[in-house]
C-alpha atoms as a PDB file:
ATOM      1  CA  UNK A   1      29.903  59.130 -65.617  1.00  0.00           C
ATOM      2  CA  UNK A   2      28.274  61.561 -67.921  1.00  0.00           C
ATOM      3  CA  UNK A   3      27.458  64.977 -66.949  1.00  0.00           C
ATOM      4  CA  UNK A   4      23.588  65.068 -67.864  1.00  0.00           C
ATOM      5  CA  UNK A   5      21.607  63.316 -65.356  1.00  0.00           C
ATOM      6  CA  UNK A   6      18.688  65.788 -65.441  1.00  0.00           C
ATOM      7  CA  UNK A   7      17.102  68.178 -67.856  1.00  0.00           C
ATOM      8  CA  UNK A   8      14.973  71.023 -66.737  1.00  0.00           C
ATOM      9  CA  UNK A   9      12.128  71.838 -69.246  1.00  0.00           C
ATOM     10  CA  UNK A  10      10.715  75.335 -69.256  1.00  0.00           C
ATOM     11  CA  UNK A  11       7.216  75.372 -70.873  1.00  0.00           C
ATOM     12  CA  UNK A  12       3.703  76.540 -70.831  1.00  0.00           C
ATOM     13  CA  UNK A  13       1.010  75.533 -68.373  1.00  0.00           C
ATOM     14  CA  UNK A  14      -1.395  76.099 -71.631  1.00  0.00           C
ATOM     15  CA  UNK A  15      -1.611  73.717 -74.542  1.00  0.00           C
ATOM     16  CA  UNK A  16      -1.259  76.706 -77.002  1.00  0.00           C
ATOM     17  CA  UNK A  17      -3.118  77.086 -80.211  1.00  0.00           C
ATOM     18  CA  UNK A  18      -1.512  74.219 -82.444  1.00  0.00           C
ATOM     19  CA  UNK A  19      -1.682  70.676 -81.710  1.00  0.00           C
ATOM     20  CA  UNK A  20       2.119  70.314 -82.636  1.00  0.00           C
ATOM     21  CA  UNK A  21       3.031  71.982 -79.154  1.00  0.00           C
ATOM     22  CA  UNK A  22       1.685  69.246 -77.260  1.00  0.00           C
ATOM     23  CA  UNK A  23       2.902  66.668 -79.584  1.00  0.00           C
ATOM     24  CA  UNK A  24       6.415  68.154 -79.378  1.00  0.00           C
ATOM     25  CA  UNK A  25       6.080  67.901 -75.734  1.00  0.00           C
ATOM     26  CA  UNK A  26       5.285  64.399 -75.756  1.00  0.00           C
ATOM     27  CA  UNK A  27       8.220  63.651 -78.200  1.00  0.00           C
ATOM     28  CA  UNK A  28      10.747  65.281 -75.880  1.00  0.00           C
ATOM     29  CA  UNK A  29       9.481  63.482 -72.699  1.00  0.00           C
ATOM     30  CA  UNK A  30       9.607  60.131 -74.295  1.00  0.00           C
ATOM     31  CA  UNK A  31      13.345  61.145 -75.403  1.00  0.00           C
ATOM     32  CA  UNK A  32      14.074  62.116 -71.855  1.00  0.00           C
ATOM     33  CA  UNK A  33      12.882  58.947 -70.477  1.00  0.00           C
ATOM     34  CA  UNK A  34      14.507  56.676 -73.223  1.00  0.00           C
ATOM     35  CA  UNK A  35      17.858  58.385 -72.488  1.00  0.00           C
ATOM     36  CA  UNK A  36      17.659  57.636 -68.544  1.00  0.00           C
ATOM     37  CA  UNK A  37      17.545  61.308 -67.908  1.00  0.00           C
ATOM     38  CA  UNK A  38      15.514  62.786 -65.159  1.00  0.00           C
ATOM     39  CA  UNK A  39      13.016  65.555 -65.894  1.00  0.00           C
ATOM     40  CA  UNK A  40      12.909  68.573 -63.738  1.00  0.00           C
ATOM     41  CA  UNK A  41      10.151  70.822 -64.556  1.00  0.00           C
ATOM     42  CA  UNK A  42       7.596  73.306 -62.751  1.00  0.00           C
ATOM     43  CA  UNK A  43       5.245  70.666 -61.483  1.00  0.00           C
ATOM     44  CA  UNK A  44       2.152  71.480 -63.398  1.00  0.00           C
ATOM     45  CA  UNK A  45      -0.050  68.862 -64.640  1.00  0.00           C
ATOM     46  CA  UNK A  46      -1.911  70.889 -67.532  1.00  0.00           C
ATOM     47  CA  UNK A  47      -0.951  72.168 -70.770  1.00  0.00           C
ATOM     48  CA  UNK A  48       2.415  71.563 -72.142  1.00  0.00           C
ATOM     49  CA  UNK A  49       3.619  71.002 -68.480  1.00  0.00           C
ATOM     50  CA  UNK A  50       1.534  68.143 -68.194  1.00  0.00           C
ATOM     51  CA  UNK A  51       2.161  66.525 -71.749  1.00  0.00           C
ATOM     52  CA  UNK A  52       5.942  66.510 -71.141  1.00  0.00           C
ATOM     53  CA  UNK A  53       5.822  64.961 -67.676  1.00  0.00           C
ATOM     54  CA  UNK A  54       3.175  62.456 -68.635  1.00  0.00           C
ATOM     55  CA  UNK A  55       5.182  61.276 -71.630  1.00  0.00           C
ATOM     56  CA  UNK A  56       8.212  60.709 -69.375  1.00  0.00           C
ATOM     57  CA  UNK A  57       6.132  58.880 -66.747  1.00  0.00           C
ATOM     58  CA  UNK A  58       4.557  56.672 -69.437  1.00  0.00           C
ATOM     59  CA  UNK A  59       7.865  55.996 -70.738  1.00  0.00           C
ATOM     60  CA  UNK A  60       9.116  54.794 -67.456  1.00  0.00           C
ATOM     61  CA  UNK A  61      11.281  57.842 -66.709  1.00  0.00           C
ATOM     62  CA  UNK A  62      11.678  59.878 -63.639  1.00  0.00           C
ATOM     63  CA  UNK A  63      10.362  63.270 -62.757  1.00  0.00           C
ATOM     64  CA  UNK A  64      10.880  66.070 -60.307  1.00  0.00           C
ATOM     65  CA  UNK A  65       8.170  68.700 -60.194  1.00  0.00           C
ATOM     66  CA  UNK A  66       9.086  71.757 -58.317  1.00  0.00           C
ATOM     67  CA  UNK A  67       6.074  74.166 -57.766  1.00  0.00           C
ATOM     68  CA  UNK A  68       5.300  77.028 -55.460  1.00  0.00           C
ATOM     69  CA  UNK A  69       2.462  76.340 -52.887  1.00  0.00           C
ATOM     70  CA  UNK A  70       0.296  79.384 -54.358  1.00  0.00           C
ATOM     71  CA  UNK A  71       0.247  77.735 -57.836  1.00  0.00           C
ATOM     72  CA  UNK A  72      -0.807  74.148 -56.747  1.00  0.00           C
ATOM     73  CA  UNK A  73      -4.503  74.797 -57.133  1.00  0.00           C
ATOM     74  CA  UNK A  74      -3.945  76.844 -60.449  1.00  0.00           C
ATOM     75  CA  UNK A  75      -1.602  74.413 -62.340  1.00  0.00           C
ATOM     76  CA  UNK A  76      -2.341  71.210 -60.617  1.00  0.00           C
ATOM     77  CA  UNK A  77      -4.109  69.557 -57.731  1.00  0.00           C
ATOM     78  CA  UNK A  78      -2.253  67.660 -54.721  1.00  0.00           C
ATOM     79  CA  UNK A  79      -3.807  64.437 -55.838  1.00  0.00           C
ATOM     80  CA  UNK A  80      -2.412  64.859 -59.371  1.00  0.00           C
ATOM     81  CA  UNK A  81       0.854  65.759 -57.969  1.00  0.00           C
ATOM     82  CA  UNK A  82       1.317  62.288 -56.370  1.00  0.00           C
ATOM     83  CA  UNK A  83       2.070  60.812 -59.687  1.00  0.00           C
ATOM     84  CA  UNK A  84       5.468  62.552 -59.741  1.00  0.00           C
ATOM     85  CA  UNK A  85       8.526  60.702 -58.369  1.00  0.00           C
ATOM     86  CA  UNK A  86       9.584  63.743 -56.329  1.00  0.00           C
ATOM     87  CA  UNK A  87       7.717  66.682 -55.577  1.00  0.00           C
ATOM     88  CA  UNK A  88       9.246  69.972 -54.082  1.00  0.00           C
ATOM     89  CA  UNK A  89       6.908  72.659 -52.947  1.00  0.00           C
ATOM     90  CA  UNK A  90       8.586  76.143 -52.608  1.00  0.00           C
ATOM     91  CA  UNK A  91       7.375  79.193 -50.862  1.00  0.00           C
ATOM     92  CA  UNK A  92       7.825  81.611 -53.833  1.00  0.00           C
ATOM     93  CA  UNK A  93       8.807  81.614 -57.616  1.00  0.00           C
ATOM     94  CA  UNK A  94      12.425  82.741 -56.798  1.00  0.00           C
ATOM     95  CA  UNK A  95      12.934  79.680 -54.549  1.00  0.00           C
ATOM     96  CA  UNK A  96      11.361  77.482 -57.185  1.00  0.00           C
ATOM     97  CA  UNK A  97      13.596  78.738 -60.105  1.00  0.00           C
ATOM     98  CA  UNK A  98      16.589  78.327 -57.850  1.00  0.00           C
ATOM     99  CA  UNK A  99      15.725  74.739 -57.013  1.00  0.00           C
ATOM    100  CA  UNK A 100      15.188  73.930 -60.683  1.00  0.00           C
ATOM    101  CA  UNK A 101      18.589  75.302 -61.411  1.00  0.00           C
ATOM    102  CA  UNK A 102      20.334  73.307 -58.737  1.00  0.00           C
ATOM    103  CA  UNK A 103      18.825  70.124 -59.451  1.00  0.00           C
ATOM    104  CA  UNK A 104      19.338  70.445 -63.430  1.00  0.00           C
ATOM    105  CA  UNK A 105      22.282  69.824 -65.589  1.00  0.00           C
ATOM    106  CA  UNK A 106      20.762  71.240 -68.784  1.00  0.00           C
ATOM    107  CA  UNK A 107      17.757  73.332 -69.703  1.00  0.00           C
ATOM    108  CA  UNK A 108      15.193  73.329 -72.524  1.00  0.00           C
ATOM    109  CA  UNK A 109      12.552  75.729 -73.532  1.00  0.00           C
ATOM    110  CA  UNK A 110       9.499  74.423 -75.150  1.00  0.00           C
ATOM    111  CA  UNK A 111       6.939  76.909 -76.495  1.00  0.00           C
ATOM    112  CA  UNK A 112       5.139  78.926 -73.726  1.00  0.00           C
ATOM    113  CA  UNK A 113       4.171  82.467 -72.416  1.00  0.00           C
ATOM    114  CA  UNK A 114       5.717  85.102 -70.466  1.00  0.00           C
ATOM    115  CA  UNK A 115       6.733  82.783 -67.662  1.00  0.00           C
ATOM    116  CA  UNK A 116       8.629  80.489 -69.735  1.00  0.00           C
ATOM    117  CA  UNK A 117      10.170  83.504 -71.541  1.00  0.00           C
ATOM    118  CA  UNK A 118      11.335  84.855 -68.183  1.00  0.00           C
ATOM    119  CA  UNK A 119      12.862  81.588 -67.167  1.00  0.00           C
ATOM    120  CA  UNK A 120      14.753  81.155 -70.190  1.00  0.00           C
ATOM    121  CA  UNK A 121      16.223  84.709 -70.185  1.00  0.00           C
ATOM    122  CA  UNK A 122      17.036  84.423 -66.659  1.00  0.00           C
ATOM    123  CA  UNK A 123      18.979  81.294 -67.016  1.00  0.00           C
ATOM    124  CA  UNK A 124      20.665  82.742 -70.125  1.00  0.00           C
ATOM    125  CA  UNK A 125      21.654  85.932 -68.026  1.00  0.00           C
ATOM    126  CA  UNK A 126      23.086  83.559 -65.442  1.00  0.00           C
ATOM    127  CA  UNK A 127      25.152  81.927 -67.950  1.00  0.00           C
ATOM    128  CA  UNK A 128      26.316  85.449 -69.471  1.00  0.00           C
ATOM    129  CA  UNK A 129      27.217  86.452 -65.618  1.00  0.00           C
ATOM    130  CA  UNK A 130      29.367  83.427 -65.311  1.00  0.00           C
ATOM    131  CA  UNK A 131      27.089  81.600 -62.670  1.00  0.00           C
ATOM    132  CA  UNK A 132      26.954  78.444 -64.738  1.00  0.00           C
ATOM    133  CA  UNK A 133      27.966  76.797 -67.989  1.00  0.00           C
ATOM    134  CA  UNK A 134      25.224  74.233 -68.484  1.00  0.00           C
ATOM    135  CA  UNK A 135      23.820  73.779 -71.844  1.00  0.00           C
ATOM    136  CA  UNK A 136      20.787  75.716 -72.720  1.00  0.00           C
ATOM    137  CA  UNK A 137      18.642  74.717 -75.711  1.00  0.00           C
ATOM    138  CA  UNK A 138      15.536  76.140 -77.351  1.00  0.00           C
ATOM    139  CA  UNK A 139      13.000  73.899 -78.985  1.00  0.00           C
ATOM    140  CA  UNK A 140      12.088  75.988 -81.972  1.00  0.00           C
ATOM    141  CA  UNK A 141       8.786  74.313 -82.789  1.00  0.00           C
ATOM    142  CA  UNK A 142       7.541  75.676 -86.011  1.00  0.00           C
ATOM    143  CA  UNK A 143       9.917  78.763 -85.635  1.00  0.00           C
ATOM    144  CA  UNK A 144       8.104  79.617 -82.459  1.00  0.00           C
ATOM    145  CA  UNK A 145      11.381  81.183 -80.987  1.00  0.00           C
ATOM    146  CA  UNK A 146      12.474  82.976 -84.190  1.00  0.00           C
ATOM    147  CA  UNK A 147      11.326  86.378 -82.730  1.00  0.00           C
ATOM    148  CA  UNK A 148      13.639  85.837 -79.670  1.00  0.00           C
ATOM    149  CA  UNK A 149      16.542  84.724 -82.016  1.00  0.00           C
ATOM    150  CA  UNK A 150      15.979  87.842 -84.129  1.00  0.00           C
ATOM    151  CA  UNK A 151      16.006  90.260 -80.893  1.00  0.00           C
ATOM    152  CA  UNK A 152      19.115  88.586 -79.508  1.00  0.00           C
ATOM    153  CA  UNK A 153      20.852  89.261 -82.858  1.00  0.00           C
ATOM    154  CA  UNK A 154      19.527  92.823 -82.741  1.00  0.00           C
ATOM    155  CA  UNK A 155      20.891  93.439 -79.174  1.00  0.00           C
ATOM    156  CA  UNK A 156      24.275  92.071 -80.239  1.00  0.00           C
ATOM    157  CA  UNK A 157      24.365  94.158 -83.439  1.00  0.00           C
ATOM    158  CA  UNK A 158      23.466  97.247 -81.291  1.00  0.00           C
ATOM    159  CA  UNK A 159      26.190  96.425 -78.890  1.00  0.00           C
ATOM    160  CA  UNK A 160      24.478  95.404 -75.806  1.00  0.00           C
ATOM    161  CA  UNK A 161      25.466  91.767 -75.834  1.00  0.00           C
ATOM    162  CA  UNK A 162      29.336  91.556 -75.684  1.00  0.00           C
ATOM    163  CA  UNK A 163      29.653  88.003 -74.503  1.00  0.00           C
ATOM    164  CA  UNK A 164      27.292  86.263 -76.999  1.00  0.00           C
ATOM    165  CA  UNK A 165      29.160  82.987 -76.724  1.00  0.00           C
ATOM    166  CA  UNK A 166      27.548  82.968 -73.105  1.00  0.00           C
ATOM    167  CA  UNK A 167      24.056  83.978 -74.058  1.00  0.00           C
ATOM    168  CA  UNK A 168      23.097  82.151 -77.231  1.00  0.00           C
ATOM    169  CA  UNK A 169      21.685  78.739 -76.580  1.00  0.00           C
ATOM    170  CA  UNK A 170      21.446  75.830 -78.843  1.00  0.00           C
ATOM    171  CA  UNK A 171      18.359  76.394 -81.302  1.00  0.00           C
ATOM    172  CA  UNK A 172      17.060  73.198 -82.366  1.00  0.00           C
ATOM    173  CA  UNK A 173      14.176  72.919 -84.782  1.00  0.00           C
ATOM    174  CA  UNK A 174      13.504  69.054 -84.636  1.00  0.00           C
ATOM    175  CA  UNK A 175      12.401  68.233 -80.946  1.00  0.00           C
ATOM    176  CA  UNK A 176      13.657  64.564 -81.659  1.00  0.00           C
ATOM    177  CA  UNK A 177      17.315  66.171 -81.977  1.00  0.00           C
ATOM    178  CA  UNK A 178      17.147  67.921 -78.704  1.00  0.00           C
ATOM    179  CA  UNK A 179      18.476  65.150 -76.227  1.00  0.00           C
ATOM    180  CA  UNK A 180      21.224  64.283 -78.586  1.00  0.00           C
ATOM    181  CA  UNK A 181      22.141  67.836 -79.077  1.00  0.00           C
ATOM    182  CA  UNK A 182      22.342  68.595 -75.241  1.00  0.00           C
ATOM    183  CA  UNK A 183      24.357  65.406 -74.740  1.00  0.00           C
ATOM    184  CA  UNK A 184      26.787  66.448 -77.337  1.00  0.00           C
ATOM    185  CA  UNK A 185      27.099  69.737 -75.807  1.00  0.00           C
ATOM    186  CA  UNK A 186      27.759  68.415 -72.179  1.00  0.00           C
ATOM    187  CA  UNK A 187      31.281  69.235 -70.995  1.00  0.00           C
ATOM    188  CA  UNK A 188      33.468  66.295 -69.823  1.00  0.00           C
ATOM    189  CA  UNK A 189      32.531  65.092 -66.183  1.00  0.00           C
ATOM    190  CA  UNK A 190      35.598  66.562 -64.500  1.00  0.00           C
ATOM    191  CA  UNK A 191      34.754  69.898 -65.852  1.00  0.00           C
ATOM    192  CA  UNK A 192      30.744  69.902 -65.708  1.00  0.00           C
ATOM    193  CA  UNK A 193      30.528  73.245 -64.055  1.00  0.00           C
ATOM    194  CA  UNK A 194      33.271  74.977 -65.993  1.00  0.00           C
ATOM    195  CA  UNK A 195      32.479  74.808 -69.747  1.00  0.00           C
ATOM    196  CA  UNK A 196      30.031  76.860 -71.545  1.00  0.00           C
ATOM    197  CA  UNK A 197      26.977  75.915 -73.750  1.00  0.00           C
ATOM    198  CA  UNK A 198      27.770  75.210 -77.438  1.00  0.00           C
ATOM    199  CA  UNK A 199      26.422  77.714 -79.724  1.00  0.00           C
ATOM    200  CA  UNK A 200      25.087  76.662 -82.943  1.00  0.00           C
ATOM    201  CA  UNK A 201      21.852  76.295 -85.050  1.00  0.00           C
ATOM    202  CA  UNK A 202      20.919  72.605 -85.747  1.00  0.00           C
END
């Protein structure tokens, strides 16, 4: 049995200024569904969030949305959320992020804002601290995450990241390559929780 049954996607609840962001979300959503992998995401129905979940659903895939109660009217409506296979409503953001972590075998960051950045950095921090070894990938659409990569290089160069092998995620420029890269980075089934994410630039 393979170890990647679900992928958590962090992404913006806004569409961004370039149509390529929404297009990339749709490509990723279709790829996740076609691979028979469940999408775990923040539950929103707008922006990039809505695009990736719609694409999974339209391609016949399964979706778990996890959203704090206070965000339902901001990022979705209760009627819109009925289209999901599974909906988890949490009390706060901390509970949401923990539930997303628990239900996911790998993580992908599409373009997004401060919330997306915070989620990505937190899951990388948990990896650095040895709390998990699940694959982490960045969808570097049009170089969106290049500034973050440069910052991580700077931090490492200045001596603040001593376990770079546990911090550096996969950086994938072509969204169509994301799912294959994650599957290739997945540890064997018997060591699903004991292997670190592969570090390379595709």
